[in-house]
Amino acid sequence: MYKTKKDKARKFEIRQLESIKGGMAEFFTPQASHETMLVQIPPDTVDDLFVHKTQTDQLLVVRGQFVLVTLINKQYQYIPLSEDNPAVIIIPAGVLHGAINLSNESCVVVNAVLRHKPSHKMDYMTRGRPFPYDLKAAEAALQNLDTNSTCVSPI
C-alpha cells in the first residue's frame, strides 16, 4: 500500500523502555521534552477525542492502566498501556486521540511534550467522536496486554 508523507506523519510509535539497575533503583530511558506534564485519568472514564496541532505527546503510564484510542483513516485503534509494561507511546501532532479507563482506579500518565510551536487553546479542546467507541474492543485490548505482557505493535 502506498503511503504519502502526510500518512507517515500521522502514525504513532510505541517504544519499549530500557533500564539500568543502580543499587535498589532502576533507571529507565530518559525522554527528551520541552515540558513534562502529569496527567490523571479518572476511573470509569471514556474521553472524547482531541488533537494537538502544536505538540507531540510522549506518554508513559506510571500508575494503573488505560486504553489510548487513536483515529487514523476513519478507524479507531485501541492501544493498551500499563505500568506493568513500561513503554512510551509517541503521538505526533495531528493525530486524533482519547483515553478509556475501564478500571475502578485512577491512571497516572507522564507526558513528555515536544513543542513545535507555542501552545494553542484549541490543542486541549475535545473534538467529540464521529462514531461510538467499541468498548468491547478496548476491554479485549487490555486483556490481551495482561495475558501477553507485551505491548501492541505500532501501525
N, C-alpha and C. Protein backbone atom coordinates (compact mmCIF):
# COMPACT_ATOMS: atom_id res chain seq x y z
N MET A 1 0.83 -1.18 0.00
CA MET A 1 0.00 0.00 0.00
C MET A 1 0.88 1.25 0.00
N TYR A 2 0.59 2.18 -0.85
CA TYR A 2 1.35 3.42 -0.97
C TYR A 2 1.01 4.36 0.18
N LYS A 3 2.03 4.91 0.80
CA LYS A 3 1.85 5.86 1.90
C LYS A 3 2.43 7.20 1.51
N THR A 4 1.68 8.24 1.70
CA THR A 4 2.18 9.59 1.43
C THR A 4 2.96 10.08 2.65
N LYS A 5 3.69 11.18 2.49
CA LYS A 5 4.39 11.76 3.63
C LYS A 5 3.41 12.14 4.72
N LYS A 6 2.23 12.63 4.34
CA LYS A 6 1.21 13.00 5.32
C LYS A 6 0.78 11.78 6.12
N ASP A 7 0.59 10.62 5.45
CA ASP A 7 0.21 9.39 6.15
C ASP A 7 1.29 8.99 7.15
N LYS A 8 2.56 9.06 6.75
CA LYS A 8 3.65 8.68 7.64
C LYS A 8 3.67 9.56 8.89
N ALA A 9 3.42 10.84 8.73
CA ALA A 9 3.46 11.76 9.85
C ALA A 9 2.35 11.49 10.85
N ARG A 10 1.29 10.81 10.42
CA ARG A 10 0.15 10.57 11.29
C ARG A 10 0.23 9.23 12.01
N LYS A 11 1.34 8.53 11.96
CA LYS A 11 1.50 7.25 12.65
C LYS A 11 2.00 7.49 14.06
N PHE A 12 1.59 6.63 14.96
CA PHE A 12 2.14 6.70 16.30
C PHE A 12 3.22 5.63 16.41
N GLU A 13 4.03 5.74 17.45
CA GLU A 13 5.11 4.79 17.66
C GLU A 13 5.10 4.35 19.11
N ILE A 14 5.36 3.07 19.35
CA ILE A 14 5.49 2.55 20.71
C ILE A 14 6.94 2.13 20.90
N ARG A 15 7.56 2.70 21.94
CA ARG A 15 8.96 2.42 22.20
C ARG A 15 9.09 1.77 23.58
N GLN A 16 9.55 0.52 23.61
CA GLN A 16 9.81 -0.16 24.88
C GLN A 16 10.96 0.56 25.58
N LEU A 17 10.89 0.68 26.87
CA LEU A 17 11.94 1.36 27.63
C LEU A 17 13.01 0.37 28.07
N GLU A 18 14.24 0.82 28.01
CA GLU A 18 15.34 0.03 28.56
C GLU A 18 15.64 0.59 29.94
N SER A 19 16.26 -0.24 30.78
CA SER A 19 16.58 0.24 32.12
C SER A 19 17.94 -0.28 32.57
N ILE A 20 18.49 0.44 33.55
CA ILE A 20 19.75 0.05 34.17
C ILE A 20 19.50 0.03 35.68
N LYS A 21 19.99 -1.01 36.35
CA LYS A 21 19.86 -1.08 37.80
C LYS A 21 21.05 -0.38 38.43
N GLY A 22 20.77 0.40 39.46
CA GLY A 22 21.80 1.08 40.24
C GLY A 22 21.46 0.90 41.70
N GLY A 23 22.04 -0.10 42.34
CA GLY A 23 21.65 -0.42 43.72
C GLY A 23 20.23 -0.96 43.72
N MET A 24 19.37 -0.38 44.53
CA MET A 24 17.97 -0.81 44.62
C MET A 24 17.10 -0.13 43.56
N ALA A 25 17.62 0.93 42.95
CA ALA A 25 16.82 1.71 41.99
C ALA A 25 17.00 1.18 40.57
N GLU A 26 15.98 1.39 39.76
CA GLU A 26 16.03 1.05 38.34
C GLU A 26 15.79 2.33 37.56
N PHE A 27 16.71 2.67 36.66
CA PHE A 27 16.64 3.90 35.88
C PHE A 27 16.22 3.56 34.45
N PHE A 28 15.13 4.20 33.99
CA PHE A 28 14.61 3.94 32.66
C PHE A 28 15.07 5.01 31.68
N THR A 29 15.01 4.67 30.41
CA THR A 29 15.42 5.56 29.33
C THR A 29 14.79 6.94 29.49
N PRO A 30 15.62 8.00 29.54
CA PRO A 30 15.05 9.34 29.63
C PRO A 30 14.41 9.75 28.30
N GLN A 31 13.42 10.60 28.36
CA GLN A 31 12.74 11.12 27.18
C GLN A 31 13.02 12.61 27.07
N ALA A 32 13.52 13.03 25.92
CA ALA A 32 13.72 14.46 25.70
C ALA A 32 12.36 15.14 25.65
N SER A 33 12.25 16.35 26.19
CA SER A 33 10.98 17.07 26.14
C SER A 33 11.22 18.55 26.38
N HIS A 34 10.22 19.34 25.98
CA HIS A 34 10.23 20.76 26.26
C HIS A 34 9.52 21.06 27.57
N GLU A 35 8.57 20.23 27.91
CA GLU A 35 7.89 20.33 29.20
C GLU A 35 7.31 18.96 29.54
N THR A 36 7.10 18.74 30.82
CA THR A 36 6.58 17.46 31.28
C THR A 36 5.32 17.70 32.09
N MET A 37 4.29 16.94 31.77
CA MET A 37 3.00 17.06 32.47
C MET A 37 2.68 15.73 33.15
N LEU A 38 2.06 15.81 34.29
CA LEU A 38 1.50 14.65 34.95
C LEU A 38 0.00 14.69 34.67
N VAL A 39 -0.54 13.61 34.12
CA VAL A 39 -1.95 13.55 33.72
C VAL A 39 -2.64 12.45 34.51
N GLN A 40 -3.78 12.75 35.09
CA GLN A 40 -4.56 11.74 35.80
C GLN A 40 -5.83 11.45 35.01
N ILE A 41 -6.04 10.16 34.72
CA ILE A 41 -7.25 9.73 34.02
C ILE A 41 -8.14 9.05 35.07
N PRO A 42 -9.28 9.66 35.40
CA PRO A 42 -10.13 9.11 36.46
C PRO A 42 -10.66 7.72 36.12
N PRO A 43 -11.09 6.97 37.15
CA PRO A 43 -11.69 5.66 36.90
C PRO A 43 -12.97 5.79 36.07
N ASP A 44 -13.29 4.73 35.36
CA ASP A 44 -14.52 4.67 34.54
C ASP A 44 -14.66 5.87 33.62
N THR A 45 -13.58 6.21 32.93
CA THR A 45 -13.55 7.35 32.01
C THR A 45 -13.59 6.89 30.57
N VAL A 46 -14.46 7.50 29.80
CA VAL A 46 -14.47 7.31 28.35
C VAL A 46 -14.42 8.72 27.77
N ASP A 47 -13.21 9.15 27.40
CA ASP A 47 -12.96 10.52 27.00
C ASP A 47 -13.18 10.71 25.51
N ASP A 48 -13.62 11.89 25.12
CA ASP A 48 -13.74 12.22 23.71
C ASP A 48 -12.36 12.39 23.08
N LEU A 49 -12.34 12.48 21.78
CA LEU A 49 -11.10 12.69 21.04
C LEU A 49 -10.66 14.14 21.09
N PHE A 50 -9.35 14.36 21.00
CA PHE A 50 -8.81 15.69 20.82
C PHE A 50 -7.56 15.55 19.99
N VAL A 51 -7.07 16.66 19.46
CA VAL A 51 -5.89 16.64 18.60
C VAL A 51 -5.03 17.85 18.92
N HIS A 52 -3.73 17.63 18.97
CA HIS A 52 -2.79 18.73 19.18
C HIS A 52 -2.20 19.11 17.84
N LYS A 53 -2.23 20.38 17.53
CA LYS A 53 -1.63 20.88 16.29
C LYS A 53 -0.20 21.34 16.50
N THR A 54 0.17 21.60 17.76
CA THR A 54 1.46 22.23 18.02
C THR A 54 2.41 21.38 18.87
N GLN A 55 2.07 20.14 19.14
CA GLN A 55 2.92 19.33 20.02
C GLN A 55 2.85 17.85 19.66
N THR A 56 3.91 17.14 20.06
CA THR A 56 3.95 15.69 20.02
C THR A 56 3.86 15.22 21.46
N ASP A 57 2.97 14.28 21.74
CA ASP A 57 2.86 13.71 23.09
C ASP A 57 3.74 12.46 23.17
N GLN A 58 4.39 12.28 24.33
CA GLN A 58 5.15 11.07 24.63
C GLN A 58 4.62 10.57 25.98
N LEU A 59 3.78 9.56 25.94
CA LEU A 59 3.07 9.12 27.14
C LEU A 59 3.70 7.87 27.75
N LEU A 60 3.76 7.87 29.08
CA LEU A 60 4.24 6.73 29.84
C LEU A 60 3.34 6.57 31.05
N VAL A 61 2.75 5.39 31.22
CA VAL A 61 1.90 5.12 32.39
C VAL A 61 2.80 4.81 33.58
N VAL A 62 2.59 5.55 34.69
CA VAL A 62 3.36 5.30 35.90
C VAL A 62 2.51 4.65 37.00
N ARG A 63 1.19 4.71 36.86
CA ARG A 63 0.31 4.01 37.80
C ARG A 63 -0.98 3.64 37.09
N GLY A 64 -1.34 2.37 37.17
CA GLY A 64 -2.60 1.91 36.60
C GLY A 64 -2.47 1.49 35.14
N GLN A 65 -3.59 1.56 34.45
CA GLN A 65 -3.64 1.19 33.04
C GLN A 65 -4.80 1.90 32.37
N PHE A 66 -4.69 2.07 31.05
CA PHE A 66 -5.77 2.66 30.28
C PHE A 66 -5.60 2.26 28.82
N VAL A 67 -6.61 2.56 28.02
CA VAL A 67 -6.54 2.30 26.59
C VAL A 67 -6.49 3.65 25.88
N LEU A 68 -5.46 3.84 25.10
CA LEU A 68 -5.36 5.02 24.26
C LEU A 68 -6.11 4.70 22.97
N VAL A 69 -6.99 5.61 22.57
CA VAL A 69 -7.74 5.44 21.33
C VAL A 69 -7.20 6.45 20.33
N THR A 70 -6.86 5.98 19.13
CA THR A 70 -6.47 6.90 18.06
C THR A 70 -7.44 6.71 16.91
N LEU A 71 -7.64 7.75 16.16
CA LEU A 71 -8.49 7.68 14.96
C LEU A 71 -7.61 8.05 13.77
N ILE A 72 -7.32 7.04 12.96
CA ILE A 72 -6.48 7.22 11.78
C ILE A 72 -7.20 6.55 10.61
N ASN A 73 -7.35 7.29 9.52
CA ASN A 73 -8.02 6.78 8.33
C ASN A 73 -9.41 6.22 8.64
N LYS A 74 -10.15 6.96 9.46
CA LYS A 74 -11.53 6.63 9.82
C LYS A 74 -11.67 5.29 10.55
N GLN A 75 -10.60 4.86 11.23
CA GLN A 75 -10.64 3.64 12.02
C GLN A 75 -10.03 3.92 13.40
N TYR A 76 -10.71 3.41 14.43
CA TYR A 76 -10.16 3.51 15.78
C TYR A 76 -9.12 2.41 15.97
N GLN A 77 -8.05 2.77 16.66
CA GLN A 77 -7.05 1.82 17.13
C GLN A 77 -7.12 1.87 18.64
N TYR A 78 -7.10 0.71 19.30
CA TYR A 78 -7.17 0.64 20.76
C TYR A 78 -5.81 0.12 21.26
N ILE A 79 -5.08 0.98 21.94
CA ILE A 79 -3.73 0.65 22.37
C ILE A 79 -3.71 0.58 23.89
N PRO A 80 -3.53 -0.62 24.44
CA PRO A 80 -3.50 -0.76 25.91
C PRO A 80 -2.14 -0.35 26.45
N LEU A 81 -2.15 0.43 27.53
CA LEU A 81 -0.92 0.87 28.17
C LEU A 81 -1.04 0.60 29.67
N SER A 82 0.07 0.17 30.27
CA SER A 82 0.03 -0.24 31.67
C SER A 82 1.36 0.04 32.35
N GLU A 83 1.29 0.28 33.65
CA GLU A 83 2.51 0.44 34.44
C GLU A 83 3.35 -0.84 34.45
N ASP A 84 2.72 -1.98 34.23
CA ASP A 84 3.42 -3.26 34.25
C ASP A 84 4.25 -3.52 33.00
N ASN A 85 4.05 -2.70 31.97
CA ASN A 85 4.78 -2.86 30.72
C ASN A 85 5.32 -1.48 30.32
N PRO A 86 6.43 -1.04 30.92
CA PRO A 86 6.91 0.32 30.68
C PRO A 86 7.25 0.55 29.20
N ALA A 87 6.46 1.41 28.57
CA ALA A 87 6.66 1.76 27.17
C ALA A 87 6.19 3.19 26.99
N VAL A 88 6.84 3.89 26.07
CA VAL A 88 6.44 5.24 25.73
C VAL A 88 5.72 5.18 24.39
N ILE A 89 4.54 5.77 24.34
CA ILE A 89 3.84 5.88 23.06
C ILE A 89 3.98 7.32 22.60
N ILE A 90 4.41 7.47 21.36
CA ILE A 90 4.65 8.79 20.78
C ILE A 90 3.52 9.10 19.81
N ILE A 91 2.79 10.19 20.10
CA ILE A 91 1.65 10.60 19.29
C ILE A 91 1.99 11.93 18.63
N PRO A 92 2.24 11.91 17.33
CA PRO A 92 2.62 13.16 16.66
C PRO A 92 1.45 14.14 16.56
N ALA A 93 1.80 15.40 16.32
CA ALA A 93 0.79 16.43 16.10
C ALA A 93 -0.13 15.99 14.96
N GLY A 94 -1.42 16.28 15.11
CA GLY A 94 -2.38 15.97 14.05
C GLY A 94 -3.10 14.64 14.19
N VAL A 95 -2.73 13.81 15.18
CA VAL A 95 -3.40 12.52 15.37
C VAL A 95 -4.50 12.68 16.42
N LEU A 96 -5.73 12.40 16.02
CA LEU A 96 -6.84 12.41 16.98
C LEU A 96 -6.65 11.28 17.98
N HIS A 97 -6.81 11.59 19.27
CA HIS A 97 -6.66 10.56 20.29
C HIS A 97 -7.49 10.88 21.53
N GLY A 98 -7.80 9.84 22.28
CA GLY A 98 -8.57 9.95 23.50
C GLY A 98 -8.18 8.84 24.46
N ALA A 99 -8.83 8.79 25.62
CA ALA A 99 -8.47 7.82 26.65
C ALA A 99 -9.71 7.09 27.15
N ILE A 100 -9.52 5.80 27.44
CA ILE A 100 -10.55 4.98 28.08
C ILE A 100 -9.91 4.31 29.29
N ASN A 101 -10.46 4.58 30.47
CA ASN A 101 -10.01 3.90 31.68
C ASN A 101 -11.20 3.11 32.20
N LEU A 102 -11.17 1.80 31.97
CA LEU A 102 -12.28 0.94 32.36
C LEU A 102 -12.15 0.41 33.79
N SER A 103 -11.04 0.73 34.45
CA SER A 103 -10.83 0.21 35.81
C SER A 103 -11.51 1.11 36.84
N ASN A 104 -11.48 0.65 38.09
CA ASN A 104 -12.07 1.45 39.17
C ASN A 104 -11.00 2.25 39.91
N GLU A 105 -9.80 2.38 39.30
CA GLU A 105 -8.71 3.16 39.87
C GLU A 105 -8.24 4.20 38.87
N SER A 106 -7.77 5.33 39.37
CA SER A 106 -7.20 6.35 38.50
C SER A 106 -5.93 5.83 37.85
N CYS A 107 -5.65 6.35 36.68
CA CYS A 107 -4.41 6.04 35.97
C CYS A 107 -3.60 7.33 35.92
N VAL A 108 -2.30 7.22 36.20
CA VAL A 108 -1.43 8.39 36.17
C VAL A 108 -0.42 8.19 35.03
N VAL A 109 -0.34 9.22 34.19
CA VAL A 109 0.50 9.19 32.99
C VAL A 109 1.43 10.39 33.00
N VAL A 110 2.68 10.17 32.63
CA VAL A 110 3.62 11.26 32.40
C VAL A 110 3.61 11.55 30.90
N ASN A 111 3.46 12.82 30.55
CA ASN A 111 3.52 13.25 29.16
C ASN A 111 4.73 14.16 28.98
N ALA A 112 5.76 13.65 28.29
CA ALA A 112 6.96 14.43 27.98
C ALA A 112 6.70 15.10 26.63
N VAL A 113 6.21 16.33 26.67
CA VAL A 113 5.72 17.05 25.49
C VAL A 113 6.87 17.63 24.68
N LEU A 114 6.81 17.42 23.37
CA LEU A 114 7.71 18.09 22.44
C LEU A 114 6.90 19.18 21.75
N ARG A 115 7.30 20.44 21.94
CA ARG A 115 6.58 21.58 21.35
C ARG A 115 7.14 21.90 19.98
N HIS A 116 6.24 22.11 19.01
CA HIS A 116 6.64 22.51 17.66
C HIS A 116 6.37 24.00 17.45
N LYS A 117 5.43 24.53 18.20
CA LYS A 117 5.06 25.94 18.18
C LYS A 117 4.51 26.26 19.56
N PRO A 118 4.29 27.52 19.89
CA PRO A 118 3.65 27.83 21.17
C PRO A 118 2.28 27.14 21.27
N SER A 119 1.94 26.77 22.49
CA SER A 119 0.65 26.12 22.76
C SER A 119 -0.51 26.99 22.29
N HIS A 120 -1.56 26.31 21.84
CA HIS A 120 -2.77 26.99 21.39
C HIS A 120 -3.95 26.41 22.16
N LYS A 121 -4.93 27.24 22.55
CA LYS A 121 -6.06 26.76 23.35
C LYS A 121 -6.83 25.64 22.66
N MET A 122 -6.84 25.60 21.33
CA MET A 122 -7.54 24.54 20.60
C MET A 122 -6.87 23.18 20.78
N ASP A 123 -5.60 23.16 21.23
CA ASP A 123 -4.89 21.91 21.43
C ASP A 123 -5.50 21.04 22.53
N TYR A 124 -6.27 21.66 23.41
CA TYR A 124 -6.81 20.91 24.55
C TYR A 124 -8.33 20.86 24.56
N MET A 125 -8.96 21.22 23.47
CA MET A 125 -10.42 21.15 23.38
C MET A 125 -10.83 19.83 22.72
N THR A 126 -11.83 19.18 23.30
CA THR A 126 -12.27 17.91 22.73
C THR A 126 -12.96 18.13 21.39
N ARG A 127 -12.91 17.09 20.57
CA ARG A 127 -13.50 17.14 19.23
C ARG A 127 -14.72 16.24 19.11
N GLY A 128 -15.05 15.53 20.16
CA GLY A 128 -16.15 14.57 20.08
C GLY A 128 -15.70 13.30 19.38
N ARG A 129 -16.66 12.44 19.07
CA ARG A 129 -16.37 11.17 18.40
C ARG A 129 -17.25 11.08 17.16
N PRO A 130 -16.69 10.87 15.99
CA PRO A 130 -17.51 10.78 14.78
C PRO A 130 -18.42 9.54 14.79
N PHE A 131 -18.01 8.51 15.52
CA PHE A 131 -18.84 7.32 15.72
C PHE A 131 -18.42 6.70 17.05
N PRO A 132 -19.30 5.90 17.66
CA PRO A 132 -19.03 5.40 19.02
C PRO A 132 -17.78 4.51 19.09
N TYR A 133 -17.13 4.54 20.25
CA TYR A 133 -16.04 3.61 20.51
C TYR A 133 -16.60 2.21 20.65
N ASP A 134 -15.78 1.22 20.40
CA ASP A 134 -16.11 -0.18 20.64
C ASP A 134 -15.47 -0.54 21.99
N LEU A 135 -16.25 -0.41 23.06
CA LEU A 135 -15.71 -0.65 24.40
C LEU A 135 -15.31 -2.10 24.61
N LYS A 136 -15.95 -3.03 23.91
CA LYS A 136 -15.53 -4.44 24.00
C LYS A 136 -14.14 -4.62 23.40
N ALA A 137 -13.86 -3.93 22.31
CA ALA A 137 -12.52 -3.99 21.71
C ALA A 137 -11.49 -3.38 22.64
N ALA A 138 -11.84 -2.30 23.33
CA ALA A 138 -10.93 -1.66 24.29
C ALA A 138 -10.64 -2.62 25.45
N GLU A 139 -11.68 -3.27 25.95
CA GLU A 139 -11.50 -4.23 27.04
C GLU A 139 -10.66 -5.43 26.59
N ALA A 140 -10.91 -5.91 25.39
CA ALA A 140 -10.13 -7.03 24.84
C ALA A 140 -8.66 -6.65 24.69
N ALA A 141 -8.39 -5.41 24.29
CA ALA A 141 -7.01 -4.95 24.16
C ALA A 141 -6.30 -5.01 25.51
N LEU A 142 -6.97 -4.57 26.57
CA LEU A 142 -6.39 -4.64 27.91
C LEU A 142 -6.17 -6.08 28.36
N GLN A 143 -7.12 -6.94 28.09
CA GLN A 143 -6.97 -8.36 28.46
C GLN A 143 -5.81 -8.99 27.70
N ASN A 144 -5.66 -8.62 26.43
CA ASN A 144 -4.56 -9.13 25.63
C ASN A 144 -3.23 -8.67 26.21
N LEU A 145 -3.17 -7.44 26.68
CA LEU A 145 -1.95 -6.92 27.31
C LEU A 145 -1.63 -7.72 28.56
N ASP A 146 -2.66 -8.01 29.37
CA ASP A 146 -2.47 -8.77 30.60
C ASP A 146 -1.96 -10.19 30.33
N THR A 147 -2.51 -10.84 29.31
CA THR A 147 -2.14 -12.24 29.05
C THR A 147 -0.81 -12.35 28.32
N ASN A 148 -0.49 -11.39 27.46
CA ASN A 148 0.75 -11.48 26.68
C ASN A 148 1.91 -10.75 27.33
N SER A 149 1.63 -9.81 28.24
CA SER A 149 2.65 -8.97 28.86
C SER A 149 3.54 -8.28 27.83
N THR A 150 2.96 -7.99 26.67
CA THR A 150 3.68 -7.24 25.65
C THR A 150 2.76 -6.17 25.12
N CYS A 151 3.35 -5.14 24.60
CA CYS A 151 2.58 -4.04 24.05
C CYS A 151 2.22 -4.31 22.60
N VAL A 152 1.15 -3.70 22.13
CA VAL A 152 0.77 -3.85 20.74
C VAL A 152 1.80 -3.20 19.84
N SER A 153 1.95 -3.71 18.64
CA SER A 153 2.88 -3.14 17.67
C SER A 153 2.30 -1.85 17.12
N PRO A 154 3.18 -0.93 16.77
CA PRO A 154 2.66 0.29 16.12
C PRO A 154 2.10 -0.05 14.75
N ILE A 155 1.16 0.79 14.29
CA ILE A 155 0.61 0.54 12.96
C ILE A 155 1.47 1.19 11.92
